[in-house]
């Protein structure tokens, strides 16, 4: 049987007579097992790529696409290399979007493992008003996921507001 013009149906939907409904168990789909970074070959294809990935993900419940928050890369995930190769081929044939694929970037993060204290001085005297700065800083680890804490222990002055964002 074939049906034409069904715009609001998707994979896993059941079609039946309203007078004699057929209720089937929902299907469970496997989670994707491989991911690749994908980007359009030309800047002008960015919107087309986004729309095409949305359509492909709506058709295929084992395919996912998202933007990585840290790297900003578009990541596609599927059931294997062949699955993703077919997705890339369909992007070109059906949507006219050429893409480059590669390995996703890994965002490495560093943290302090122990307390560290540093001190620095800046002295510049070349006629006129001189410059002087004396800084002591202490760095120490916090609990994982705690972010960072900035404690201003400045004595006898203030840090100008425009410099705080750099801290």
Protein backbone atom coordinates (compact mmCIF):
# COMPACT_ATOMS: atom_id res chain seq x y z
CA UNK A 1 0.00 0.00 0.00
CA UNK A 2 1.12 3.54 -0.65
CA UNK A 3 -0.07 6.92 0.60
CA UNK A 4 0.74 10.32 -0.84
CA UNK A 5 0.72 13.71 0.88
CA UNK A 6 1.18 12.61 4.49
CA UNK A 7 3.10 15.59 5.84
CA UNK A 8 2.53 15.08 9.56
CA UNK A 9 3.53 11.42 9.80
CA UNK A 10 6.91 10.07 10.72
CA UNK A 11 8.86 6.89 11.29
CA UNK A 12 7.07 4.69 13.82
CA UNK A 13 3.58 6.16 13.25
CA UNK A 14 0.68 3.73 12.75
CA UNK A 15 -2.04 4.53 10.19
CA UNK A 16 -5.48 2.93 10.59
CA UNK A 17 -9.20 3.45 10.11
CA UNK A 18 -10.68 5.85 12.67
CA UNK A 19 -13.58 3.43 13.26
CA UNK A 20 -11.27 0.46 13.83
CA UNK A 21 -8.04 1.85 15.32
CA UNK A 22 -4.97 -0.34 15.45
CA UNK A 23 -2.74 0.26 18.45
CA UNK A 24 0.77 -1.16 18.19
CA UNK A 25 3.59 -1.07 20.69
CA UNK A 26 5.99 1.79 20.23
CA UNK A 27 9.34 0.99 18.68
CA UNK A 28 12.58 1.43 20.58
CA UNK A 29 15.49 2.57 18.44
CA UNK A 30 19.14 2.04 19.25
CA UNK A 31 21.26 5.01 20.26
CA UNK A 32 23.88 6.20 17.74
CA UNK A 33 27.34 4.68 18.20
CA UNK A 34 29.62 6.87 16.08
CA UNK A 35 29.95 10.63 15.64
CA UNK A 36 31.63 12.92 13.12
CA UNK A 37 32.02 16.66 12.76
CA UNK A 38 30.39 18.08 9.65
CA UNK A 39 30.57 21.50 8.02
CA UNK A 40 29.33 22.94 4.73
CA UNK A 41 31.94 23.44 2.02
CA UNK A 42 30.69 26.98 1.44
CA UNK A 43 29.48 29.56 3.93
CA UNK A 44 26.31 30.08 1.89
CA UNK A 45 25.25 26.44 2.50
CA UNK A 46 25.06 26.75 6.31
CA UNK A 47 21.29 27.30 6.42
CA UNK A 48 20.67 24.60 3.81
CA UNK A 49 22.77 22.15 5.83
CA UNK A 50 20.87 22.90 9.02
CA UNK A 51 17.48 22.40 7.33
CA UNK A 52 18.66 19.21 5.58
CA UNK A 53 20.00 17.68 8.80
CA UNK A 54 16.68 18.43 10.49
CA UNK A 55 14.76 16.64 7.73
CA UNK A 56 17.11 13.64 7.78
CA UNK A 57 16.86 13.36 11.58
CA UNK A 58 13.04 13.48 11.36
CA UNK A 59 13.10 10.58 8.84
CA UNK A 60 15.68 8.44 10.62
CA UNK A 61 15.35 7.88 14.39
CA UNK A 62 18.86 6.39 14.59
CA UNK A 63 20.46 9.58 13.21
CA UNK A 64 21.14 12.66 15.33
CA UNK A 65 22.64 16.08 14.65
CA UNK A 66 23.54 18.77 17.18
CA UNK A 67 25.92 21.67 17.72
CA UNK A 68 28.61 21.09 20.33
CA UNK A 69 28.40 23.90 22.90
CA UNK A 70 32.13 24.04 23.58
CA UNK A 71 33.64 23.70 20.09
CA UNK A 72 30.74 25.12 18.06
CA UNK A 73 31.04 22.21 15.62
CA UNK A 74 28.03 20.51 14.08
CA UNK A 75 28.16 16.85 15.15
CA UNK A 76 26.28 14.08 13.35
CA UNK A 77 25.82 10.67 14.97
CA UNK A 78 24.67 7.38 13.49
CA UNK A 79 24.84 3.61 13.64
CA UNK A 80 28.16 3.24 11.85
CA UNK A 81 30.51 4.66 9.24
CA UNK A 82 28.36 3.42 6.34
CA UNK A 83 25.28 5.05 7.86
CA UNK A 84 27.05 8.42 8.06
CA UNK A 85 28.49 8.00 4.53
CA UNK A 86 24.93 7.52 3.25
CA UNK A 87 23.82 10.66 5.13
CA UNK A 88 26.65 12.67 3.51
CA UNK A 89 25.73 11.26 0.08
CA UNK A 90 22.05 12.17 0.59
CA UNK A 91 23.01 15.69 1.64
CA UNK A 92 24.69 16.14 -1.74
CA UNK A 93 22.17 14.29 -3.94
CA UNK A 94 18.87 15.32 -2.36
CA UNK A 95 19.67 18.69 -0.83
CA UNK A 96 22.58 19.95 -2.95
CA UNK A 97 24.80 20.57 0.08
CA UNK A 98 28.48 19.65 -0.18
CA UNK A 99 30.09 18.98 3.19
CA UNK A 100 33.43 18.26 4.78
CA UNK A 101 33.53 15.64 7.52
CA UNK A 102 36.14 14.91 10.14
CA UNK A 103 36.77 13.94 13.71
CA UNK A 104 35.07 16.04 16.38
CA UNK A 105 37.37 18.38 18.29
CA UNK A 106 38.03 17.44 21.88
CA UNK A 107 37.89 20.32 24.34
CA UNK A 108 40.64 19.71 26.83
CA UNK A 109 40.21 21.33 30.20
CA UNK A 110 42.84 22.03 32.79
CA UNK A 111 42.52 22.51 36.50
CA UNK A 112 44.67 23.16 39.51
CA UNK A 113 45.72 20.09 41.45
CA UNK A 114 47.27 21.91 44.38
CA UNK A 115 47.55 25.38 45.86
CA UNK A 116 49.96 27.81 44.17
CA UNK A 117 51.00 31.30 45.24
CA UNK A 118 52.67 33.84 42.94
CA UNK A 119 53.79 37.41 43.34
CA UNK A 120 54.75 40.04 40.80
CA UNK A 121 55.89 43.66 40.76
CA UNK A 122 55.79 46.28 38.04
CA UNK A 123 57.94 49.38 38.45
CA UNK A 124 58.45 51.89 35.66
CA UNK A 125 60.03 55.30 36.19
CA UNK A 126 60.94 57.25 33.07
CA UNK A 127 60.27 60.87 33.93
CA UNK A 128 56.85 62.21 34.86
CA UNK A 129 54.49 60.01 36.83
CA UNK A 130 55.87 56.59 37.59
CA UNK A 131 54.02 53.30 37.44
CA UNK A 132 53.98 50.82 40.27
CA UNK A 133 52.05 47.62 40.76
CA UNK A 134 52.38 44.81 43.25
CA UNK A 135 50.23 41.70 42.88
CA UNK A 136 49.93 38.57 45.00
CA UNK A 137 47.75 35.76 43.67
CA UNK A 138 46.69 32.46 45.16
CA UNK A 139 45.30 29.64 43.02
CA UNK A 140 43.76 26.55 44.57
CA UNK A 141 41.54 23.72 43.37
CA UNK A 142 37.80 23.69 44.05
CA UNK A 143 35.34 20.83 43.95
CA UNK A 144 34.68 19.47 40.42
CA UNK A 145 32.00 21.50 38.65
CA UNK A 146 32.23 24.40 41.11
CA UNK A 147 33.45 26.81 38.43
CA UNK A 148 35.77 29.48 39.76
CA UNK A 149 35.79 31.97 42.60
CA UNK A 150 37.44 35.39 42.46
CA UNK A 151 38.17 36.99 45.81
CA UNK A 152 39.34 40.59 45.74
CA UNK A 153 41.59 41.27 48.75
CA UNK A 154 42.88 44.58 47.45
CA UNK A 155 44.05 46.94 50.18
CA UNK A 156 43.84 50.69 49.65
CA UNK A 157 42.27 50.81 46.18
CA UNK A 158 39.88 49.22 43.71
CA UNK A 159 40.07 47.32 40.47
CA UNK A 160 38.52 49.36 37.69
CA UNK A 161 35.32 47.81 36.33
CA UNK A 162 36.60 47.50 32.73
CA UNK A 163 39.40 45.19 33.91
CA UNK A 164 37.20 42.76 35.88
CA UNK A 165 36.03 40.83 32.78
CA UNK A 166 39.65 39.82 32.10
CA UNK A 167 39.93 38.09 35.46
